[in-house]
Amino acid sequence: MISLFRRAVGALAAASMVAAFMRLRGSGGVPPQQGGWRELTDDDLKS
């Protein structure tokens, strides 16, 4: 029973370390500067 508890605690610790690493390492990045929405023309609506 104790070894099962130790395994669970170890798995939770490993998961939290990975999550913390991903959180600290991840940078928000820059949103795309091209593309996006454009106004539809009559030709677009006919297709």
Protein backbone atom coordinates (compact mmCIF):
# COMPACT_ATOMS: atom_id res chain seq x y z
CA MET A 1 0.00 0.00 0.00
CA ILE A 2 2.85 2.39 0.84
CA SER A 3 4.59 1.73 -2.48
CA LEU A 4 1.36 2.57 -4.35
CA PHE A 5 1.18 5.84 -2.42
CA ARG A 6 4.81 6.63 -3.25
CA ARG A 7 4.21 5.91 -6.92
CA ALA A 8 1.19 8.20 -6.97
CA VAL A 9 3.09 10.99 -5.25
CA GLY A 10 6.01 10.54 -7.63
CA ALA A 11 3.72 10.67 -10.67
CA LEU A 12 2.04 13.83 -9.40
CA ALA A 13 5.40 15.44 -8.69
CA ALA A 14 6.68 14.58 -12.15
CA ALA A 15 3.51 15.90 -13.80
CA SER A 16 3.68 19.14 -11.83
CA MET A 17 7.34 19.64 -12.75
CA VAL A 18 6.57 19.12 -16.43
CA ALA A 19 3.63 21.53 -16.21
CA ALA A 20 5.78 24.15 -14.46
CA PHE A 21 8.52 23.75 -17.09
CA MET A 22 6.02 24.16 -19.92
CA ARG A 23 4.49 27.19 -18.23
CA LEU A 24 7.83 28.91 -17.67
CA ARG A 25 9.30 28.00 -21.04
CA GLY A 26 6.28 28.84 -23.17
CA SER A 27 6.27 32.34 -24.53
CA GLY A 28 3.03 33.75 -25.80
CA GLY A 29 4.52 34.36 -29.21
CA VAL A 30 3.38 36.93 -31.70
CA PRO A 31 -0.02 36.66 -33.35
CA PRO A 32 -0.04 36.35 -37.13
CA GLN A 33 0.43 39.64 -38.93
CA GLN A 34 -1.27 38.53 -42.16
CA GLY A 35 -4.55 36.96 -43.07
CA GLY A 36 -7.66 37.29 -40.99
CA TRP A 37 -11.06 38.57 -42.00
CA ARG A 38 -11.84 40.29 -45.26
CA GLU A 39 -15.01 41.75 -46.63
CA LEU A 40 -16.89 39.53 -49.07
CA THR A 41 -17.57 40.73 -52.58
CA ASP A 42 -20.54 39.84 -54.78
CA ASP A 43 -18.37 37.32 -56.66
CA ASP A 44 -17.58 35.52 -53.38
CA LEU A 45 -21.27 35.20 -52.61
CA LYS A 46 -22.17 33.79 -56.04
CA SER A 47 -19.86 30.77 -55.76
